[in-house]
Amino acid sequence: METRAVLKFVRVPPRKARLVVDLIRGQDVGQALTIVRFTPKRAARIVEKLLRSAMANAQHNHGVRDVERLFVKAVTVDEGPRSKRWVPRAMGRATPIQKRTSHITIVLEERPAS
């Protein structure tokens, strides 16, 4: 049974979030939590929270009893809308700044009992 959790409009650039997400793709949930907990990136805290949310969704919505049998089937980071700002520069010029956002989706699936 697939379980998903989606977090939208996160103020982390997609390129930086993908660095963290690539570490946990295909891992067991316990191992993924350990990896994310000790990753020194800002996006790691966000991904950890989302992973815990997906685990809670599996228990509450789909009745998964053994959370340790879950693994990360798919993780995607898509680009959200950009906030556009202008910064003043020398000689009356201005430089654009784009504050990027991300949409992160985690899909968990239960491993078959062996």
PDB file of N, CA and C in Angstrom:
ATOM      1  N   MET A   1       0.844  -1.179   0.000  1.00  0.00           N
ATOM      2  CA  MET A   1       0.000   0.000   0.000  1.00  0.00           C
ATOM      3  C   MET A   1       0.888   1.241   0.000  1.00  0.00           C
ATOM      4  N   GLU A   2       0.666   2.115  -0.953  1.00  0.00           N
ATOM      5  CA  GLU A   2       1.447   3.342  -1.057  1.00  0.00           C
ATOM      6  C   GLU A   2       0.880   4.414  -0.145  1.00  0.00           C
ATOM      7  N   THR A   3       1.774   5.127   0.497  1.00  0.00           N
ATOM      8  CA  THR A   3       1.410   6.252   1.341  1.00  0.00           C
ATOM      9  C   THR A   3       2.238   7.443   0.905  1.00  0.00           C
ATOM     10  N   ARG A   4       1.606   8.595   0.865  1.00  0.00           N
ATOM     11  CA  ARG A   4       2.342   9.773   0.421  1.00  0.00           C
ATOM     12  C   ARG A   4       2.145  10.946   1.365  1.00  0.00           C
ATOM     13  N   ALA A   5       3.122  11.839   1.351  1.00  0.00           N
ATOM     14  CA  ALA A   5       3.039  13.098   2.077  1.00  0.00           C
ATOM     15  C   ALA A   5       3.611  14.165   1.154  1.00  0.00           C
ATOM     16  N   VAL A   6       2.939  15.304   1.085  1.00  0.00           N
ATOM     17  CA  VAL A   6       3.335  16.384   0.190  1.00  0.00           C
ATOM     18  C   VAL A   6       3.508  17.661   1.002  1.00  0.00           C
ATOM     19  N   LEU A   7       4.584  18.367   0.730  1.00  0.00           N
ATOM     20  CA  LEU A   7       4.832  19.662   1.366  1.00  0.00           C
ATOM     21  C   LEU A   7       5.073  20.661   0.248  1.00  0.00           C
ATOM     22  N   LYS A   8       4.256  21.708   0.216  1.00  0.00           N
ATOM     23  CA  LYS A   8       4.340  22.676  -0.872  1.00  0.00           C
ATOM     24  C   LYS A   8       4.816  24.025  -0.377  1.00  0.00           C
ATOM     25  N   PHE A   9       5.381  24.787  -1.277  1.00  0.00           N
ATOM     26  CA  PHE A   9       5.811  26.159  -1.049  1.00  0.00           C
ATOM     27  C   PHE A   9       6.867  26.268   0.049  1.00  0.00           C
ATOM     28  N   VAL A  10       7.818  25.348   0.065  1.00  0.00           N
ATOM     29  CA  VAL A  10       8.895  25.363   1.046  1.00  0.00           C
ATOM     30  C   VAL A  10       9.951  26.345   0.563  1.00  0.00           C
ATOM     31  N   ARG A  11      10.431  27.199   1.450  1.00  0.00           N
ATOM     32  CA  ARG A  11      11.414  28.205   1.061  1.00  0.00           C
ATOM     33  C   ARG A  11      12.830  27.625   1.039  1.00  0.00           C
ATOM     34  N   VAL A  12      13.017  26.581   0.249  1.00  0.00           N
ATOM     35  CA  VAL A  12      14.318  25.971   0.016  1.00  0.00           C
ATOM     36  C   VAL A  12      14.440  25.790  -1.489  1.00  0.00           C
ATOM     37  N   PRO A  13      15.544  26.197  -2.084  1.00  0.00           N
ATOM     38  CA  PRO A  13      15.688  25.992  -3.526  1.00  0.00           C
ATOM     39  C   PRO A  13      15.652  24.503  -3.879  1.00  0.00           C
ATOM     40  N   PRO A  14      15.012  24.144  -4.981  1.00  0.00           N
ATOM     41  CA  PRO A  14      14.894  22.732  -5.347  1.00  0.00           C
ATOM     42  C   PRO A  14      16.243  22.034  -5.520  1.00  0.00           C
ATOM     43  N   ARG A  15      17.205  22.740  -6.031  1.00  0.00           N
ATOM     44  CA  ARG A  15      18.522  22.146  -6.257  1.00  0.00           C
ATOM     45  C   ARG A  15      19.169  21.718  -4.935  1.00  0.00           C
ATOM     46  N   LYS A  16      18.992  22.507  -3.897  1.00  0.00           N
ATOM     47  CA  LYS A  16      19.564  22.177  -2.591  1.00  0.00           C
ATOM     48  C   LYS A  16      18.759  21.081  -1.901  1.00  0.00           C
ATOM     49  N   ALA A  17      17.436  21.081  -2.106  1.00  0.00           N
ATOM     50  CA  ALA A  17      16.598  20.043  -1.505  1.00  0.00           C
ATOM     51  C   ALA A  17      16.882  18.684  -2.147  1.00  0.00           C
ATOM     52  N   ARG A  18      17.192  18.673  -3.438  1.00  0.00           N
ATOM     53  CA  ARG A  18      17.471  17.407  -4.129  1.00  0.00           C
ATOM     54  C   ARG A  18      18.738  16.742  -3.609  1.00  0.00           C
ATOM     55  N   LEU A  19      19.699  17.537  -3.108  1.00  0.00           N
ATOM     56  CA  LEU A  19      20.910  16.966  -2.525  1.00  0.00           C
ATOM     57  C   LEU A  19      20.577  16.079  -1.332  1.00  0.00           C
ATOM     58  N   VAL A  20      19.615  16.495  -0.529  1.00  0.00           N
ATOM     59  CA  VAL A  20      19.212  15.728   0.652  1.00  0.00           C
ATOM     60  C   VAL A  20      18.333  14.559   0.254  1.00  0.00           C
ATOM     61  N   VAL A  21      17.399  14.800  -0.642  1.00  0.00           N
ATOM     62  CA  VAL A  21      16.421  13.795  -1.036  1.00  0.00           C
ATOM     63  C   VAL A  21      17.083  12.607  -1.731  1.00  0.00           C
ATOM     64  N   ASP A  22      18.141  12.868  -2.496  1.00  0.00           N
ATOM     65  CA  ASP A  22      18.827  11.783  -3.207  1.00  0.00           C
ATOM     66  C   ASP A  22      19.484  10.795  -2.248  1.00  0.00           C
ATOM     67  N   LEU A  23      19.769  11.234  -1.025  1.00  0.00           N
ATOM     68  CA  LEU A  23      20.405  10.355  -0.045  1.00  0.00           C
ATOM     69  C   LEU A  23      19.454   9.282   0.484  1.00  0.00           C
ATOM     70  N   ILE A  24      18.139   9.573   0.517  1.00  0.00           N
ATOM     71  CA  ILE A  24      17.204   8.651   1.170  1.00  0.00           C
ATOM     72  C   ILE A  24      16.357   7.838   0.195  1.00  0.00           C
ATOM     73  N   ARG A  25      16.444   8.124  -1.080  1.00  0.00           N
ATOM     74  CA  ARG A  25      15.614   7.398  -2.057  1.00  0.00           C
ATOM     75  C   ARG A  25      15.964   5.914  -2.041  1.00  0.00           C
ATOM     76  N   GLY A  26      14.949   5.045  -1.816  1.00  0.00           N
ATOM     77  CA  GLY A  26      15.139   3.597  -1.810  1.00  0.00           C
ATOM     78  C   GLY A  26      15.547   3.016  -0.468  1.00  0.00           C
ATOM     79  N   GLN A  27      15.740   3.844   0.544  1.00  0.00           N
ATOM     80  CA  GLN A  27      16.187   3.376   1.858  1.00  0.00           C
ATOM     81  C   GLN A  27      14.997   2.943   2.717  1.00  0.00           C
ATOM     82  N   ASP A  28      15.260   2.105   3.718  1.00  0.00           N
ATOM     83  CA  ASP A  28      14.258   1.804   4.734  1.00  0.00           C
ATOM     84  C   ASP A  28      13.987   3.065   5.534  1.00  0.00           C
ATOM     85  N   VAL A  29      12.817   3.146   6.138  1.00  0.00           N
ATOM     86  CA  VAL A  29      12.414   4.358   6.842  1.00  0.00           C
ATOM     87  C   VAL A  29      13.349   4.664   8.017  1.00  0.00           C
ATOM     88  N   GLY A  30      13.707   3.649   8.783  1.00  0.00           N
ATOM     89  CA  GLY A  30      14.604   3.871   9.920  1.00  0.00           C
ATOM     90  C   GLY A  30      15.960   4.384   9.480  1.00  0.00           C
ATOM     91  N   GLN A  31      16.488   3.815   8.421  1.00  0.00           N
ATOM     92  CA  GLN A  31      17.786   4.243   7.918  1.00  0.00           C
ATOM     93  C   GLN A  31      17.689   5.635   7.306  1.00  0.00           C
ATOM     94  N   ALA A  32      16.590   5.924   6.636  1.00  0.00           N
ATOM     95  CA  ALA A  32      16.391   7.244   6.039  1.00  0.00           C
ATOM     96  C   ALA A  32      16.323   8.321   7.109  1.00  0.00           C
ATOM     97  N   LEU A  33      15.634   8.025   8.218  1.00  0.00           N
ATOM     98  CA  LEU A  33      15.569   8.988   9.328  1.00  0.00           C
ATOM     99  C   LEU A  33      16.948   9.258   9.911  1.00  0.00           C
ATOM    100  N   THR A  34      17.755   8.221  10.045  1.00  0.00           N
ATOM    101  CA  THR A  34      19.105   8.382  10.575  1.00  0.00           C
ATOM    102  C   THR A  34      19.957   9.227   9.630  1.00  0.00           C
ATOM    103  N   ILE A  35      19.865   8.963   8.349  1.00  0.00           N
ATOM    104  CA  ILE A  35      20.635   9.725   7.365  1.00  0.00           C
ATOM    105  C   ILE A  35      20.253  11.195   7.409  1.00  0.00           C
ATOM    106  N   VAL A  36      18.961  11.463   7.426  1.00  0.00           N
ATOM    107  CA  VAL A  36      18.486  12.842   7.397  1.00  0.00           C
ATOM    108  C   VAL A  36      18.828  13.569   8.701  1.00  0.00           C
ATOM    109  N   ARG A  37      18.766  12.856   9.807  1.00  0.00           N
ATOM    110  CA  ARG A  37      19.048  13.477  11.101  1.00  0.00           C
ATOM    111  C   ARG A  37      20.489  13.980  11.182  1.00  0.00           C
ATOM    112  N   PHE A  38      21.419  13.276  10.539  1.00  0.00           N
ATOM    113  CA  PHE A  38      22.824  13.652  10.632  1.00  0.00           C
ATOM    114  C   PHE A  38      23.354  14.347   9.376  1.00  0.00           C
ATOM    115  N   THR A  39      22.458  14.803   8.518  1.00  0.00           N
ATOM    116  CA  THR A  39      22.858  15.564   7.339  1.00  0.00           C
ATOM    117  C   THR A  39      22.852  17.047   7.684  1.00  0.00           C
ATOM    118  N   PRO A  40      23.986  17.731   7.533  1.00  0.00           N
ATOM    119  CA  PRO A  40      24.060  19.135   7.959  1.00  0.00           C
ATOM    120  C   PRO A  40      23.557  20.118   6.906  1.00  0.00           C
ATOM    121  N   LYS A  41      22.355  19.926   6.443  1.00  0.00           N
ATOM    122  CA  LYS A  41      21.752  20.834   5.469  1.00  0.00           C
ATOM    123  C   LYS A  41      20.435  21.345   6.044  1.00  0.00           C
ATOM    124  N   ARG A  42      20.044  22.542   5.631  1.00  0.00           N
ATOM    125  CA  ARG A  42      18.792  23.114   6.112  1.00  0.00           C
ATOM    126  C   ARG A  42      17.592  22.316   5.614  1.00  0.00           C
ATOM    127  N   ALA A  43      17.681  21.805   4.409  1.00  0.00           N
ATOM    128  CA  ALA A  43      16.586  21.036   3.829  1.00  0.00           C
ATOM    129  C   ALA A  43      16.391  19.704   4.547  1.00  0.00           C
ATOM    130  N   ALA A  44      17.418  19.226   5.250  1.00  0.00           N
ATOM    131  CA  ALA A  44      17.323  17.935   5.936  1.00  0.00           C
ATOM    132  C   ALA A  44      16.274  17.972   7.037  1.00  0.00           C
ATOM    133  N   ARG A  45      16.161  19.076   7.765  1.00  0.00           N
ATOM    134  CA  ARG A  45      15.150  19.192   8.827  1.00  0.00           C
ATOM    135  C   ARG A  45      13.742  19.121   8.230  1.00  0.00           C
ATOM    136  N   ILE A  46      13.570  19.753   7.085  1.00  0.00           N
ATOM    137  CA  ILE A  46      12.264  19.770   6.424  1.00  0.00           C
ATOM    138  C   ILE A  46      11.907  18.381   5.914  1.00  0.00           C
ATOM    139  N   VAL A  47      12.876  17.698   5.308  1.00  0.00           N
ATOM    140  CA  VAL A  47      12.639  16.358   4.769  1.00  0.00           C
ATOM    141  C   VAL A  47      12.367  15.369   5.908  1.00  0.00           C
ATOM    142  N   GLU A  48      13.054  15.540   7.039  1.00  0.00           N
ATOM    143  CA  GLU A  48      12.816  14.660   8.188  1.00  0.00           C
ATOM    144  C   GLU A  48      11.377  14.802   8.692  1.00  0.00           C
ATOM    145  N   LYS A  49      10.918  16.027   8.788  1.00  0.00           N
ATOM    146  CA  LYS A  49       9.555  16.276   9.247  1.00  0.00           C
ATOM    147  C   LYS A  49       8.530  15.674   8.273  1.00  0.00           C
ATOM    148  N   LEU A  50       8.802  15.804   6.986  1.00  0.00           N
ATOM    149  CA  LEU A  50       7.904  15.264   5.968  1.00  0.00           C
ATOM    150  C   LEU A  50       7.913  13.739   5.982  1.00  0.00           C
ATOM    151  N   LEU A  51       9.075  13.147   6.226  1.00  0.00           N
ATOM    152  CA  LEU A  51       9.180  11.689   6.311  1.00  0.00           C
ATOM    153  C   LEU A  51       8.388  11.156   7.503  1.00  0.00           C
ATOM    154  N   ARG A  52       8.479  11.842   8.630  1.00  0.00           N
ATOM    155  CA  ARG A  52       7.686  11.451   9.806  1.00  0.00           C
ATOM    156  C   ARG A  52       6.187  11.602   9.533  1.00  0.00           C
ATOM    157  N   SER A  53       5.815  12.613   8.774  1.00  0.00           N
ATOM    158  CA  SER A  53       4.412  12.805   8.406  1.00  0.00           C
ATOM    159  C   SER A  53       3.915  11.669   7.524  1.00  0.00           C
ATOM    160  N   ALA A  54       4.744  11.223   6.581  1.00  0.00           N
ATOM    161  CA  ALA A  54       4.363  10.111   5.711  1.00  0.00           C
ATOM    162  C   ALA A  54       4.212   8.825   6.515  1.00  0.00           C
ATOM    163  N   MET A  55       5.078   8.639   7.515  1.00  0.00           N
ATOM    164  CA  MET A  55       4.968   7.456   8.377  1.00  0.00           C
ATOM    165  C   MET A  55       3.664   7.501   9.178  1.00  0.00           C
ATOM    166  N   ALA A  56       3.327   8.674   9.690  1.00  0.00           N
ATOM    167  CA  ALA A  56       2.077   8.822  10.443  1.00  0.00           C
ATOM    168  C   ALA A  56       0.865   8.601   9.541  1.00  0.00           C
ATOM    169  N   ASN A  57       0.954   9.057   8.295  1.00  0.00           N
ATOM    170  CA  ASN A  57      -0.131   8.820   7.336  1.00  0.00           C
ATOM    171  C   ASN A  57      -0.319   7.328   7.086  1.00  0.00           C
ATOM    172  N   ALA A  58       0.792   6.596   7.007  1.00  0.00           N
ATOM    173  CA  ALA A  58       0.707   5.149   6.773  1.00  0.00           C
ATOM    174  C   ALA A  58       0.008   4.461   7.932  1.00  0.00           C
ATOM    175  N   GLN A  59       0.327   4.875   9.149  1.00  0.00           N
ATOM    176  CA  GLN A  59      -0.303   4.252  10.321  1.00  0.00           C
ATOM    177  C   GLN A  59      -1.764   4.641  10.443  1.00  0.00           C
ATOM    178  N   HIS A  60      -2.038   5.902  10.334  1.00  0.00           N
ATOM    179  CA  HIS A  60      -3.386   6.394  10.594  1.00  0.00           C
ATOM    180  C   HIS A  60      -4.356   6.125   9.448  1.00  0.00           C
ATOM    181  N   ASN A  61      -3.932   6.425   8.212  1.00  0.00           N
ATOM    182  CA  ASN A  61      -4.852   6.321   7.085  1.00  0.00           C
ATOM    183  C   ASN A  61      -4.933   4.922   6.477  1.00  0.00           C
ATOM    184  N   HIS A  62      -3.825   4.172   6.499  1.00  0.00           N
ATOM    185  CA  HIS A  62      -3.788   2.873   5.831  1.00  0.00           C
ATOM    186  C   HIS A  62      -3.651   1.706   6.795  1.00  0.00           C
ATOM    187  N   GLY A  63      -3.566   1.983   8.088  1.00  0.00           N
ATOM    188  CA  GLY A  63      -3.533   0.919   9.080  1.00  0.00           C
ATOM    189  C   GLY A  63      -2.279   0.071   9.076  1.00  0.00           C
ATOM    190  N   VAL A  64      -1.149   0.643   8.710  1.00  0.00           N
ATOM    191  CA  VAL A  64       0.112  -0.100   8.736  1.00  0.00           C
ATOM    192  C   VAL A  64       0.521  -0.283  10.189  1.00  0.00           C
ATOM    193  N   ARG A  65       0.714  -1.523  10.591  1.00  0.00           N
ATOM    194  CA  ARG A  65       1.062  -1.800  11.984  1.00  0.00           C
ATOM    195  C   ARG A  65       2.559  -1.729  12.236  1.00  0.00           C
ATOM    196  N   ASP A  66       3.339  -2.298  11.334  1.00  0.00           N
ATOM    197  CA  ASP A  66       4.789  -2.322  11.512  1.00  0.00           C
ATOM    198  C   ASP A  66       5.424  -1.266  10.605  1.00  0.00           C
ATOM    199  N   VAL A  67       5.769  -0.132  11.193  1.00  0.00           N
ATOM    200  CA  VAL A  67       6.323   0.983  10.433  1.00  0.00           C
ATOM    201  C   VAL A  67       7.729   0.655   9.920  1.00  0.00           C
ATOM    202  N   GLU A  68       8.421  -0.247  10.582  1.00  0.00           N
ATOM    203  CA  GLU A  68       9.784  -0.595  10.182  1.00  0.00           C
ATOM    204  C   GLU A  68       9.842  -1.316   8.839  1.00  0.00           C
ATOM    205  N   ARG A  69       8.715  -1.820   8.361  1.00  0.00           N
ATOM    206  CA  ARG A  69       8.693  -2.489   7.054  1.00  0.00           C
ATOM    207  C   ARG A  69       8.517  -1.513   5.903  1.00  0.00           C
ATOM    208  N   LEU A  70       8.331  -0.234   6.202  1.00  0.00           N
ATOM    209  CA  LEU A  70       8.169   0.769   5.157  1.00  0.00           C
ATOM    210  C   LEU A  70       9.519   1.157   4.568  1.00  0.00           C
ATOM    211  N   PHE A  71       9.510   1.503   3.296  1.00  0.00           N
ATOM    212  CA  PHE A  71      10.713   2.040   2.659  1.00  0.00           C
ATOM    213  C   PHE A  71      10.313   3.197   1.747  1.00  0.00           C
ATOM    214  N   VAL A  72      11.276   4.034   1.413  1.00  0.00           N
ATOM    215  CA  VAL A  72      11.033   5.210   0.587  1.00  0.00           C
ATOM    216  C   VAL A  72      11.023   4.766  -0.871  1.00  0.00           C
ATOM    217  N   LYS A  73       9.831   4.697  -1.442  1.00  0.00           N
ATOM    218  CA  LYS A  73       9.693   4.232  -2.819  1.00  0.00           C
ATOM    219  C   LYS A  73      10.086   5.326  -3.812  1.00  0.00           C
ATOM    220  N   ALA A  74       9.598   6.529  -3.565  1.00  0.00           N
ATOM    221  CA  ALA A  74       9.898   7.636  -4.477  1.00  0.00           C
ATOM    222  C   ALA A  74       9.908   8.947  -3.705  1.00  0.00           C
ATOM    223  N   VAL A  75      10.788   9.827  -4.111  1.00  0.00           N
ATOM    224  CA  VAL A  75      10.842  11.174  -3.554  1.00  0.00           C
ATOM    225  C   VAL A  75      11.076  12.118  -4.718  1.00  0.00           C
ATOM    226  N   THR A  76      10.248  13.152  -4.816  1.00  0.00           N
ATOM    227  CA  THR A  76      10.439  14.135  -5.875  1.00  0.00           C
ATOM    228  C   THR A  76      10.484  15.529  -5.280  1.00  0.00           C
ATOM    229  N   VAL A  77      11.288  16.363  -5.892  1.00  0.00           N
ATOM    230  CA  VAL A  77      11.353  17.778  -5.530  1.00  0.00           C
ATOM    231  C   VAL A  77      11.085  18.564  -6.800  1.00  0.00           C
ATOM    232  N   ASP A  78       9.952  19.247  -6.832  1.00  0.00           N
ATOM    233  CA  ASP A  78       9.578  20.054  -7.982  1.00  0.00           C
ATOM    234  C   ASP A  78       9.715  21.530  -7.618  1.00  0.00           C
ATOM    235  N   GLU A  79       9.864  22.332  -8.637  1.00  0.00           N
ATOM    236  CA  GLU A  79      10.032  23.756  -8.401  1.00  0.00           C
ATOM    237  C   GLU A  79       8.679  24.424  -8.201  1.00  0.00           C
ATOM    238  N   GLY A  80       8.606  25.263  -7.185  1.00  0.00           N
ATOM    239  CA  GLY A  80       7.400  26.034  -6.919  1.00  0.00           C
ATOM    240  C   GLY A  80       7.553  27.430  -7.495  1.00  0.00           C
ATOM    241  N   PRO A  81       6.666  28.327  -7.133  1.00  0.00           N
ATOM    242  CA  PRO A  81       6.768  29.701  -7.638  1.00  0.00           C
ATOM    243  C   PRO A  81       7.967  30.425  -7.038  1.00  0.00           C
ATOM    244  N   ARG A  82       8.458  31.396  -7.774  1.00  0.00           N
ATOM    245  CA  ARG A  82       9.599  32.187  -7.313  1.00  0.00           C
ATOM    246  C   ARG A  82       9.119  33.552  -6.861  1.00  0.00           C
ATOM    247  N   SER A  83       9.679  34.023  -5.751  1.00  0.00           N
ATOM    248  CA  SER A  83       9.444  35.398  -5.325  1.00  0.00           C
ATOM    249  C   SER A  83      10.533  36.246  -5.949  1.00  0.00           C
ATOM    250  N   LYS A  84      10.160  37.306  -6.617  1.00  0.00           N
ATOM    251  CA  LYS A  84      11.141  38.132  -7.310  1.00  0.00           C
ATOM    252  C   LYS A  84      11.324  39.439  -6.557  1.00  0.00           C
ATOM    253  N   ARG A  85      12.575  39.761  -6.278  1.00  0.00           N
ATOM    254  CA  ARG A  85      12.935  40.975  -5.548  1.00  0.00           C
ATOM    255  C   ARG A  85      14.007  41.724  -6.325  1.00  0.00           C
ATOM    256  N   TRP A  86      14.211  42.980  -5.973  1.00  0.00           N
ATOM    257  CA  TRP A  86      15.249  43.802  -6.578  1.00  0.00           C
ATOM    258  C   TRP A  86      16.140  44.348  -5.486  1.00  0.00           C
ATOM    259  N   VAL A  87      17.453  44.329  -5.746  1.00  0.00           N
ATOM    260  CA  VAL A  87      18.434  44.840  -4.799  1.00  0.00           C
ATOM    261  C   VAL A  87      19.150  46.022  -5.442  1.00  0.00           C
ATOM    262  N   PRO A  88      19.248  47.144  -4.739  1.00  0.00           N
ATOM    263  CA  PRO A  88      19.961  48.288  -5.317  1.00  0.00           C
ATOM    264  C   PRO A  88      21.456  48.018  -5.438  1.00  0.00           C
ATOM    265  N   ARG A  89      22.043  48.507  -6.520  1.00  0.00           N
ATOM    266  CA  ARG A  89      23.465  48.338  -6.766  1.00  0.00           C
ATOM    267  C   ARG A  89      24.100  49.699  -7.045  1.00  0.00           C
ATOM    268  N   ALA A  90      25.356  49.670  -7.362  1.00  0.00           N
ATOM    269  CA  ALA A  90      26.092  50.910  -7.590  1.00  0.00           C
ATOM    270  C   ALA A  90      25.601  51.637  -8.840  1.00  0.00           C
ATOM    271  N   MET A  91      25.788  52.937  -8.852  1.00  0.00           N
ATOM    272  CA  MET A  91      25.475  53.828  -9.976  1.00  0.00           C
ATOM    273  C   MET A  91      24.003  53.757 -10.390  1.00  0.00           C
ATOM    274  N   GLY A  92      23.114  53.593  -9.415  1.00  0.00           N
ATOM    275  CA  GLY A  92      21.690  53.642  -9.691  1.00  0.00           C
ATOM    276  C   GLY A  92      21.109  52.416 -10.365  1.00  0.00           C
ATOM    277  N   ARG A  93      21.860  51.353 -10.420  1.00  0.00           N
ATOM    278  CA  ARG A  93      21.368  50.134 -11.044  1.00  0.00           C
ATOM    279  C   ARG A  93      20.652  49.260 -10.010  1.00  0.00           C
ATOM    280  N   ALA A  94      19.998  48.224 -10.514  1.00  0.00           N
ATOM    281  CA  ALA A  94      19.338  47.257  -9.638  1.00  0.00           C
ATOM    282  C   ALA A  94      19.586  45.859 -10.182  1.00  0.00           C
ATOM    283  N   THR A  95      19.679  44.883  -9.267  1.00  0.00           N
ATOM    284  CA  THR A  95      19.915  43.495  -9.644  1.00  0.00           C
ATOM    285  C   THR A  95      18.749  42.647  -9.167  1.00  0.00           C
ATOM    286  N   PRO A  96      18.237  41.769 -10.032  1.00  0.00           N
ATOM    287  CA  PRO A  96      17.123  40.914  -9.589  1.00  0.00           C
ATOM    288  C   PRO A  96      17.609  39.779  -8.690  1.00  0.00           C
ATOM    289  N   ILE A  97      16.773  39.426  -7.718  1.00  0.00           N
ATOM    290  CA  ILE A  97      17.004  38.267  -6.858  1.00  0.00           C
ATOM    291  C   ILE A  97      15.754  37.402  -6.941  1.00  0.00           C
ATOM    292  N   GLN A  98      15.952  36.098  -7.135  1.00  0.00           N
ATOM    293  CA  GLN A  98      14.827  35.180  -7.182  1.00  0.00           C
ATOM    294  C   GLN A  98      14.900  34.261  -5.972  1.00  0.00           C
ATOM    295  N   LYS A  99      13.864  34.286  -5.149  1.00  0.00           N
ATOM    296  CA  LYS A  99      13.799  33.408  -3.984  1.00  0.00           C
ATOM    297  C   LYS A  99      12.973  32.200  -4.390  1.00  0.00           C
ATOM    298  N   ARG A 100      13.647  31.068  -4.555  1.00  0.00           N
ATOM    299  CA  ARG A 100      12.992  29.880  -5.095  1.00  0.00           C
ATOM    300  C   ARG A 100      12.293  29.080  -4.009  1.00  0.00           C
ATOM    301  N   THR A 101      11.218  28.398  -4.409  1.00  0.00           N
ATOM    302  CA  THR A 101      10.477  27.531  -3.494  1.00  0.00           C
ATOM    303  C   THR A 101      10.396  26.133  -4.106  1.00  0.00           C
ATOM    304  N   SER A 102      10.056  25.165  -3.253  1.00  0.00           N
ATOM    305  CA  SER A 102      10.004  23.767  -3.670  1.00  0.00           C
ATOM    306  C   SER A 102       8.686  23.130  -3.268  1.00  0.00           C
ATOM    307  N   HIS A 103       8.308  22.102  -4.032  1.00  0.00           N
ATOM    308  CA  HIS A 103       7.221  21.199  -3.665  1.00  0.00           C
ATOM    309  C   HIS A 103       7.870  19.827  -3.492  1.00  0.00           C
ATOM    310  N   ILE A 104       7.818  19.264  -2.283  1.00  0.00           N
ATOM    311  CA  ILE A 104       8.469  17.983  -1.999  1.00  0.00           C
ATOM    312  C   ILE A 104       7.395  16.923  -1.773  1.00  0.00           C
ATOM    313  N   THR A 105       7.549  15.769  -2.429  1.00  0.00           N
ATOM    314  CA  THR A 105       6.612  14.658  -2.287  1.00  0.00           C
ATOM    315  C   THR A 105       7.384  13.403  -1.903  1.00  0.00           C
ATOM    316  N   ILE A 106       6.925  12.715  -0.849  1.00  0.00           N
ATOM    317  CA  ILE A 106       7.527  11.457  -0.428  1.00  0.00           C
ATOM    318  C   ILE A 106       6.485  10.367  -0.545  1.00  0.00           C
ATOM    319  N   VAL A 107       6.847   9.239  -1.184  1.00  0.00           N
ATOM    320  CA  VAL A 107       5.965   8.086  -1.314  1.00  0.00           C
ATOM    321  C   VAL A 107       6.625   6.915  -0.596  1.00  0.00           C
ATOM    322  N   LEU A 108       5.908   6.345   0.380  1.00  0.00           N
ATOM    323  CA  LEU A 108       6.392   5.167   1.113  1.00  0.00           C
ATOM    324  C   LEU A 108       5.594   3.950   0.696  1.00  0.00           C
ATOM    325  N   GLU A 109       6.246   2.801   0.734  1.00  0.00           N
ATOM    326  CA  GLU A 109       5.549   1.559   0.450  1.00  0.00           C
ATOM    327  C   GLU A 109       6.030   0.504   1.437  1.00  0.00           C
ATOM    328  N   GLU A 110       5.169  -0.456   1.701  1.00  0.00           N
ATOM    329  CA  GLU A 110       5.477  -1.525   2.660  1.00  0.00           C
ATOM    330  C   GLU A 110       6.169  -2.681   1.950  1.00  0.00           C
ATOM    331  N   ARG A 111       7.268  -3.133   2.529  1.00  0.00           N
ATOM    332  CA  ARG A 111       7.968  -4.295   1.966  1.00  0.00           C
ATOM    333  C   ARG A 111       7.145  -5.546   2.264  1.00  0.00           C
ATOM    334  N   PRO A 112       7.105  -6.482   1.341  1.00  0.00           N
ATOM    335  CA  PRO A 112       6.366  -7.723   1.622  1.00  0.00           C
ATOM    336  C   PRO A 112       7.028  -8.507   2.756  1.00  0.00           C
ATOM    337  N   ALA A 113       6.214  -9.175   3.554  1.00  0.00           N
ATOM    338  CA  ALA A 113       6.743  -9.975   4.659  1.00  0.00           C
ATOM    339  C   ALA A 113       7.515 -11.165   4.108  1.00  0.00           C
ATOM    340  N   SER A 114       8.714 -11.365   4.659  1.00  0.00           N
ATOM    341  CA  SER A 114       9.526 -12.478   4.149  1.00  0.00           C
ATOM    342  C   SER A 114       9.669 -13.587   5.168  1.00  0.00           C
TER     343      SER A 114
END
